[in-house]
Amino acid sequence: MAHILVVDDESAVRDTLARQLSDMGHRCIEAGNGIEALERLHERDFDLIFTDVMMPKLNGFQLLDRALPYLKGRTPIVILSSVDESDGIAAALEAGAYDYLNKPVDREVLERVITEGLRRREEMIRLLGRFRGRGGPVPEEALGEREEDRAEAPVDQVPAGVPAVREERCTLSVAPPEPEDEDDDEVGPRTFWQTVLGWLKPGKAA
């Protein structure tokens, strides 16, 4: 049996996930937002955390940013979101999430993620040792709302409205080929990699 923290501002979603986890034999504690989740983590250690992204007061990405320095990898955090986009998945994993699942979560997928997440937890505990503090791993000074928690994200960020976790992002910017470099027999839309490979053809080098 694992002790799992379920964080979501929608009670129906929390109840459904908690019921699934309970049917699997796990014990669940619920939190309605990131601040409540930090309070639960101040009270006790958990084996696994499932958290929504879009929540009031403190969202899932902010929870990651606030909690990870104290969890030190011992407690895997799985992001839950209804946004099925590669940018959101990449942002979650870059921020330190163990995995990213789309809601509603398939039971078989849920069981697999829990099994692998608990295995990861045991590996980290074997390397770092168990948490040895009073109460939970998150100290009292990490609790409470802060002014920066309410800062709005760039409008083009995905998922929309989620504050940036990293101040700088490295992006690849490549200028398109000159019109005369295009082959006459190539028509229709081209993907990024098709374009790059086209530039690498013999005779294309500058």
C-alpha atoms as a PDB file:
ATOM      1  CA  MET A   1       0.000   0.000   0.000  1.00  0.00           C
ATOM      2  CA  ALA A   2       1.261   3.460  -0.931  1.00  0.00           C
ATOM      3  CA  HIS A   3       0.360   6.826   0.593  1.00  0.00           C
ATOM      4  CA  ILE A   4      -0.618   9.075  -2.324  1.00  0.00           C
ATOM      5  CA  LEU A   5      -1.419  12.789  -2.375  1.00  0.00           C
ATOM      6  CA  VAL A   6      -4.074  13.828  -4.931  1.00  0.00           C
ATOM      7  CA  VAL A   7      -4.134  17.555  -5.767  1.00  0.00           C
ATOM      8  CA  ASP A   8      -6.937  19.053  -7.873  1.00  0.00           C
ATOM      9  CA  ASP A   9      -9.298  22.015  -7.430  1.00  0.00           C
ATOM     10  CA  GLU A  10     -12.258  20.001  -8.774  1.00  0.00           C
ATOM     11  CA  SER A  11     -13.666  17.798  -6.037  1.00  0.00           C
ATOM     12  CA  ALA A  12     -15.282  15.432  -8.567  1.00  0.00           C
ATOM     13  CA  VAL A  13     -11.896  14.769 -10.197  1.00  0.00           C
ATOM     14  CA  ARG A  14     -10.239  14.243  -6.814  1.00  0.00           C
ATOM     15  CA  ASP A  15     -12.958  11.879  -5.667  1.00  0.00           C
ATOM     16  CA  THR A  16     -12.821   9.826  -8.872  1.00  0.00           C
ATOM     17  CA  LEU A  17      -9.042   9.457  -8.795  1.00  0.00           C
ATOM     18  CA  ALA A  18      -9.011   8.786  -5.045  1.00  0.00           C
ATOM     19  CA  ARG A  19     -11.631   6.066  -5.525  1.00  0.00           C
ATOM     20  CA  GLN A  20      -9.553   4.424  -8.265  1.00  0.00           C
ATOM     21  CA  LEU A  21      -6.450   4.512  -6.109  1.00  0.00           C
ATOM     22  CA  SER A  22      -8.311   3.165  -3.091  1.00  0.00           C
ATOM     23  CA  ASP A  23      -9.637   0.276  -5.189  1.00  0.00           C
ATOM     24  CA  MET A  24      -6.009  -0.531  -5.994  1.00  0.00           C
ATOM     25  CA  GLY A  25      -5.243  -0.749  -2.286  1.00  0.00           C
ATOM     26  CA  HIS A  26      -3.607   2.650  -1.764  1.00  0.00           C
ATOM     27  CA  ARG A  27      -4.359   5.287   0.862  1.00  0.00           C
ATOM     28  CA  CYS A  28      -5.173   8.743  -0.508  1.00  0.00           C
ATOM     29  CA  ILE A  29      -5.036  12.228   0.981  1.00  0.00           C
ATOM     30  CA  GLU A  30      -6.635  15.068  -1.009  1.00  0.00           C
ATOM     31  CA  ALA A  31      -5.748  18.749  -1.500  1.00  0.00           C
ATOM     32  CA  GLY A  32      -7.674  21.419  -3.424  1.00  0.00           C
ATOM     33  CA  ASN A  33      -4.707  23.490  -4.594  1.00  0.00           C
ATOM     34  CA  GLY A  34      -0.938  23.782  -4.361  1.00  0.00           C
ATOM     35  CA  ILE A  35      -0.967  25.608  -1.031  1.00  0.00           C
ATOM     36  CA  GLU A  36      -3.016  22.833   0.577  1.00  0.00           C
ATOM     37  CA  ALA A  37      -0.667  20.288  -0.986  1.00  0.00           C
ATOM     38  CA  LEU A  38       2.354  21.993   0.604  1.00  0.00           C
ATOM     39  CA  GLU A  39       0.551  21.922   3.955  1.00  0.00           C
ATOM     40  CA  ARG A  40      -0.007  18.163   3.577  1.00  0.00           C
ATOM     41  CA  LEU A  41       3.674  17.742   2.664  1.00  0.00           C
ATOM     42  CA  HIS A  42       4.563  19.701   5.789  1.00  0.00           C
ATOM     43  CA  GLU A  43       2.576  17.206   7.863  1.00  0.00           C
ATOM     44  CA  ARG A  44       3.916  13.946   6.415  1.00  0.00           C
ATOM     45  CA  ASP A  45       5.904  12.275   3.648  1.00  0.00           C
ATOM     46  CA  PHE A  46       4.111  10.707   0.677  1.00  0.00           C
ATOM     47  CA  ASP A  47       5.100   7.920  -1.694  1.00  0.00           C
ATOM     48  CA  LEU A  48       3.625   9.568  -4.788  1.00  0.00           C
ATOM     49  CA  ILE A  49       1.867  12.811  -5.764  1.00  0.00           C
ATOM     50  CA  PHE A  50      -0.696  13.385  -8.517  1.00  0.00           C
ATOM     51  CA  THR A  51      -1.395  17.052  -9.225  1.00  0.00           C
ATOM     52  CA  ASP A  52      -3.518  19.022 -11.656  1.00  0.00           C
ATOM     53  CA  VAL A  53      -1.958  21.940 -13.540  1.00  0.00           C
ATOM     54  CA  MET A  54      -4.586  24.700 -13.540  1.00  0.00           C
ATOM     55  CA  MET A  55      -5.494  25.498  -9.924  1.00  0.00           C
ATOM     56  CA  PRO A  56      -6.062  28.680  -7.905  1.00  0.00           C
ATOM     57  CA  LYS A  57      -3.547  30.083  -5.377  1.00  0.00           C
ATOM     58  CA  LEU A  58      -0.745  27.747  -6.452  1.00  0.00           C
ATOM     59  CA  ASN A  59      -0.893  25.692  -9.643  1.00  0.00           C
ATOM     60  CA  GLY A  60       0.805  22.417 -10.465  1.00  0.00           C
ATOM     61  CA  PHE A  61       3.940  23.940 -11.975  1.00  0.00           C
ATOM     62  CA  GLN A  62       4.365  26.288  -9.016  1.00  0.00           C
ATOM     63  CA  LEU A  63       3.877  23.346  -6.663  1.00  0.00           C
ATOM     64  CA  LEU A  64       6.686  21.540  -8.456  1.00  0.00           C
ATOM     65  CA  ASP A  65       8.937  24.565  -8.193  1.00  0.00           C
ATOM     66  CA  ARG A  66       8.199  24.984  -4.460  1.00  0.00           C
ATOM     67  CA  ALA A  67       8.287  21.327  -3.362  1.00  0.00           C
ATOM     68  CA  LEU A  68      10.993  19.652  -5.445  1.00  0.00           C
ATOM     69  CA  PRO A  69      13.977  21.193  -3.607  1.00  0.00           C
ATOM     70  CA  TYR A  70      12.792  19.475  -0.411  1.00  0.00           C
ATOM     71  CA  LEU A  71      11.536  16.212  -1.909  1.00  0.00           C
ATOM     72  CA  LYS A  72      14.915  15.639  -3.626  1.00  0.00           C
ATOM     73  CA  GLY A  73      13.462  13.041  -5.980  1.00  0.00           C
ATOM     74  CA  ARG A  74      12.214  10.771  -3.190  1.00  0.00           C
ATOM     75  CA  THR A  75       8.556  11.481  -4.017  1.00  0.00           C
ATOM     76  CA  PRO A  76       7.714  11.330  -7.744  1.00  0.00           C
ATOM     77  CA  ILE A  77       5.219  13.982  -8.867  1.00  0.00           C
ATOM     78  CA  VAL A  78       2.875  13.143 -11.747  1.00  0.00           C
ATOM     79  CA  ILE A  79       1.220  16.036 -13.586  1.00  0.00           C
ATOM     80  CA  LEU A  80      -2.441  15.584 -14.583  1.00  0.00           C
ATOM     81  CA  SER A  81      -3.922  17.769 -17.298  1.00  0.00           C
ATOM     82  CA  SER A  82      -6.729  17.870 -19.827  1.00  0.00           C
ATOM     83  CA  VAL A  83      -4.327  19.621 -22.227  1.00  0.00           C
ATOM     84  CA  ASP A  84      -2.830  17.026 -24.553  1.00  0.00           C
ATOM     85  CA  GLU A  85       0.013  18.997 -26.127  1.00  0.00           C
ATOM     86  CA  SER A  86       3.680  18.184 -26.512  1.00  0.00           C
ATOM     87  CA  ASP A  87       4.701  21.628 -25.204  1.00  0.00           C
ATOM     88  CA  GLY A  88       2.836  21.021 -21.946  1.00  0.00           C
ATOM     89  CA  ILE A  89       4.412  17.583 -21.540  1.00  0.00           C
ATOM     90  CA  ALA A  90       7.893  18.937 -22.254  1.00  0.00           C
ATOM     91  CA  ALA A  91       7.401  21.822 -19.820  1.00  0.00           C
ATOM     92  CA  ALA A  92       6.261  19.457 -17.056  1.00  0.00           C
ATOM     93  CA  LEU A  93       9.190  17.080 -17.489  1.00  0.00           C
ATOM     94  CA  GLU A  94      11.641  19.978 -17.718  1.00  0.00           C
ATOM     95  CA  ALA A  95      10.210  21.371 -14.488  1.00  0.00           C
ATOM     96  CA  GLY A  96      10.984  18.088 -12.718  1.00  0.00           C
ATOM     97  CA  ALA A  97       7.755  16.091 -12.974  1.00  0.00           C
ATOM     98  CA  TYR A  98       8.153  12.310 -13.030  1.00  0.00           C
ATOM     99  CA  ASP A  99       5.394  11.826 -15.613  1.00  0.00           C
ATOM    100  CA  TYR A 100       2.514  13.595 -17.363  1.00  0.00           C
ATOM    101  CA  LEU A 101      -0.933  12.039 -17.773  1.00  0.00           C
ATOM    102  CA  ASN A 102      -4.018  13.264 -19.592  1.00  0.00           C
ATOM    103  CA  LYS A 103      -7.383  13.316 -17.855  1.00  0.00           C
ATOM    104  CA  PRO A 104      -9.384  11.171 -17.610  1.00  0.00           C
ATOM    105  CA  VAL A 105      -6.666   8.664 -16.764  1.00  0.00           C
ATOM    106  CA  ASP A 106      -6.932   5.114 -18.062  1.00  0.00           C
ATOM    107  CA  ARG A 107      -6.777   2.589 -15.220  1.00  0.00           C
ATOM    108  CA  GLU A 108      -4.084   0.443 -16.833  1.00  0.00           C
ATOM    109  CA  VAL A 109      -1.936   3.508 -17.463  1.00  0.00           C
ATOM    110  CA  LEU A 110      -2.509   4.631 -13.887  1.00  0.00           C
ATOM    111  CA  GLU A 111      -1.423   1.261 -12.492  1.00  0.00           C
ATOM    112  CA  ARG A 112       1.710   1.269 -14.648  1.00  0.00           C
ATOM    113  CA  VAL A 113       2.702   4.799 -13.604  1.00  0.00           C
ATOM    114  CA  ILE A 114       2.174   3.978  -9.921  1.00  0.00           C
ATOM    115  CA  THR A 115       4.232   0.782 -10.158  1.00  0.00           C
ATOM    116  CA  GLU A 116       7.086   2.529 -11.958  1.00  0.00           C
ATOM    117  CA  GLY A 117       6.870   5.600  -9.725  1.00  0.00           C
ATOM    118  CA  LEU A 118       7.113   3.541  -6.541  1.00  0.00           C
ATOM    119  CA  ARG A 119      10.067   1.665  -8.003  1.00  0.00           C
ATOM    120  CA  ARG A 120      11.727   5.012  -8.722  1.00  0.00           C
ATOM    121  CA  ARG A 121      11.028   6.140  -5.153  1.00  0.00           C
ATOM    122  CA  GLU A 122      12.684   3.053  -3.697  1.00  0.00           C
ATOM    123  CA  GLU A 123      15.734   3.605  -5.887  1.00  0.00           C
ATOM    124  CA  MET A 124      16.064   7.220  -4.708  1.00  0.00           C
ATOM    125  CA  ILE A 125      15.610   6.215  -1.059  1.00  0.00           C
ATOM    126  CA  ARG A 126      18.289   3.574  -1.500  1.00  0.00           C
ATOM    127  CA  LEU A 127      20.630   6.276  -2.816  1.00  0.00           C
ATOM    128  CA  LEU A 128      19.689   9.163  -0.506  1.00  0.00           C
ATOM    129  CA  GLY A 129      18.091   7.518   2.508  1.00  0.00           C
ATOM    130  CA  ARG A 130      14.624   8.181   3.883  1.00  0.00           C
ATOM    131  CA  PHE A 131      13.441  11.591   5.006  1.00  0.00           C
ATOM    132  CA  ARG A 132      14.509  12.128   8.613  1.00  0.00           C
ATOM    133  CA  GLY A 133      12.886  15.441   9.545  1.00  0.00           C
ATOM    134  CA  ARG A 134      10.021  16.255  11.899  1.00  0.00           C
ATOM    135  CA  GLY A 135       6.647  15.960  10.188  1.00  0.00           C
ATOM    136  CA  GLY A 136       6.940  16.064   6.414  1.00  0.00           C
ATOM    137  CA  PRO A 137       9.751  17.029   4.037  1.00  0.00           C
ATOM    138  CA  VAL A 138       8.480  20.557   3.292  1.00  0.00           C
ATOM    139  CA  PRO A 139       9.350  23.077   6.039  1.00  0.00           C
ATOM    140  CA  GLU A 140       6.970  25.713   7.348  1.00  0.00           C
ATOM    141  CA  GLU A 141       8.805  28.543   5.600  1.00  0.00           C
ATOM    142  CA  ALA A 142       7.829  27.044   2.232  1.00  0.00           C
ATOM    143  CA  LEU A 143       4.105  27.357   2.970  1.00  0.00           C
ATOM    144  CA  GLY A 144       1.710  30.201   2.259  1.00  0.00           C
ATOM    145  CA  GLU A 145       0.949  32.384  -0.726  1.00  0.00           C
ATOM    146  CA  ARG A 146       3.572  34.718  -2.141  1.00  0.00           C
ATOM    147  CA  GLU A 147       3.416  37.713  -4.420  1.00  0.00           C
ATOM    148  CA  GLU A 148       5.236  35.884  -7.221  1.00  0.00           C
ATOM    149  CA  ASP A 149       2.620  33.103  -7.139  1.00  0.00           C
ATOM    150  CA  ARG A 150       0.115  35.512  -8.704  1.00  0.00           C
ATOM    151  CA  ALA A 151       2.380  36.623 -11.562  1.00  0.00           C
ATOM    152  CA  GLU A 152       0.792  35.979 -14.934  1.00  0.00           C
ATOM    153  CA  ALA A 153       2.482  33.856 -17.543  1.00  0.00           C
ATOM    154  CA  PRO A 154       3.306  34.941 -21.087  1.00  0.00           C
ATOM    155  CA  VAL A 155       0.191  34.690 -23.243  1.00  0.00           C
ATOM    156  CA  ASP A 156       1.866  32.244 -25.644  1.00  0.00           C
ATOM    157  CA  GLN A 157       2.810  29.751 -22.940  1.00  0.00           C
ATOM    158  CA  VAL A 158       1.263  26.278 -22.980  1.00  0.00           C
ATOM    159  CA  PRO A 159      -0.725  25.363 -20.957  1.00  0.00           C
ATOM    160  CA  ALA A 160      -2.162  28.874 -21.029  1.00  0.00           C
ATOM    161  CA  GLY A 161      -1.984  30.830 -17.782  1.00  0.00           C
ATOM    162  CA  VAL A 162       0.732  28.716 -16.174  1.00  0.00           C
ATOM    163  CA  PRO A 163       3.600  30.838 -14.818  1.00  0.00           C
ATOM    164  CA  ALA A 164       6.941  30.192 -16.436  1.00  0.00           C
ATOM    165  CA  VAL A 165       9.065  27.686 -14.544  1.00  0.00           C
ATOM    166  CA  ARG A 166      12.264  28.570 -16.362  1.00  0.00           C
ATOM    167  CA  GLU A 167      13.175  32.190 -17.029  1.00  0.00           C
ATOM    168  CA  GLU A 168      15.137  31.316 -20.166  1.00  0.00           C
ATOM    169  CA  ARG A 169      14.260  28.853 -22.879  1.00  0.00           C
ATOM    170  CA  CYS A 170      16.626  27.642 -25.567  1.00  0.00           C
ATOM    171  CA  THR A 171      14.938  27.506 -28.963  1.00  0.00           C
ATOM    172  CA  LEU A 172      16.240  26.560 -32.397  1.00  0.00           C
ATOM    173  CA  SER A 173      15.705  29.253 -34.982  1.00  0.00           C
ATOM    174  CA  VAL A 174      16.556  28.467 -38.597  1.00  0.00           C
ATOM    175  CA  ALA A 175      16.000  30.814 -41.523  1.00  0.00           C
ATOM    176  CA  PRO A 176      13.971  29.354 -44.430  1.00  0.00           C
ATOM    177  CA  PRO A 177      15.801  28.553 -47.674  1.00  0.00           C
ATOM    178  CA  GLU A 178      15.847  31.047 -50.510  1.00  0.00           C
ATOM    179  CA  PRO A 179      13.100  30.456 -53.114  1.00  0.00           C
ATOM    180  CA  GLU A 180      15.634  29.530 -55.805  1.00  0.00           C
ATOM    181  CA  ASP A 181      16.927  26.660 -53.592  1.00  0.00           C
ATOM    182  CA  GLU A 182      13.606  24.834 -53.797  1.00  0.00           C
ATOM    183  CA  ASP A 183      13.385  21.900 -56.207  1.00  0.00           C
ATOM    184  CA  ASP A 184      10.792  22.372 -58.927  1.00  0.00           C
ATOM    185  CA  ASP A 185       9.382  18.888 -58.375  1.00  0.00           C
ATOM    186  CA  GLU A 186       8.775  19.422 -54.647  1.00  0.00           C
ATOM    187  CA  VAL A 187       5.285  20.681 -53.997  1.00  0.00           C
ATOM    188  CA  GLY A 188       2.955  20.837 -51.029  1.00  0.00           C
ATOM    189  CA  PRO A 189       3.702  21.567 -47.363  1.00  0.00           C
ATOM    190  CA  ARG A 190       7.023  20.480 -45.924  1.00  0.00           C
ATOM    191  CA  THR A 191       7.826  19.545 -42.366  1.00  0.00           C
ATOM    192  CA  PHE A 192      10.744  21.092 -40.489  1.00  0.00           C
ATOM    193  CA  TRP A 193      12.907  17.989 -40.883  1.00  0.00           C
ATOM    194  CA  GLN A 194      12.021  17.650 -44.571  1.00  0.00           C
ATOM    195  CA  THR A 195      13.268  21.192 -45.036  1.00  0.00           C
ATOM    196  CA  VAL A 196      16.465  20.542 -43.092  1.00  0.00           C
ATOM    197  CA  LEU A 197      17.156  17.349 -45.017  1.00  0.00           C
ATOM    198  CA  GLY A 198      16.523  19.239 -48.244  1.00  0.00           C
ATOM    199  CA  TRP A 199      19.251  21.694 -47.344  1.00  0.00           C
ATOM    200  CA  LEU A 200      21.663  18.834 -46.794  1.00  0.00           C
ATOM    201  CA  LYS A 201      21.217  17.369 -50.289  1.00  0.00           C
ATOM    202  CA  PRO A 202      24.321  17.413 -52.531  1.00  0.00           C
ATOM    203  CA  GLY A 203      24.600  20.709 -54.304  1.00  0.00           C
ATOM    204  CA  LYS A 204      22.640  22.569 -51.624  1.00  0.00           C
ATOM    205  CA  ALA A 205      25.693  23.601 -49.613  1.00  0.00           C
ATOM    206  CA  ALA A 206      26.600  27.238 -49.819  1.00  0.00           C
END
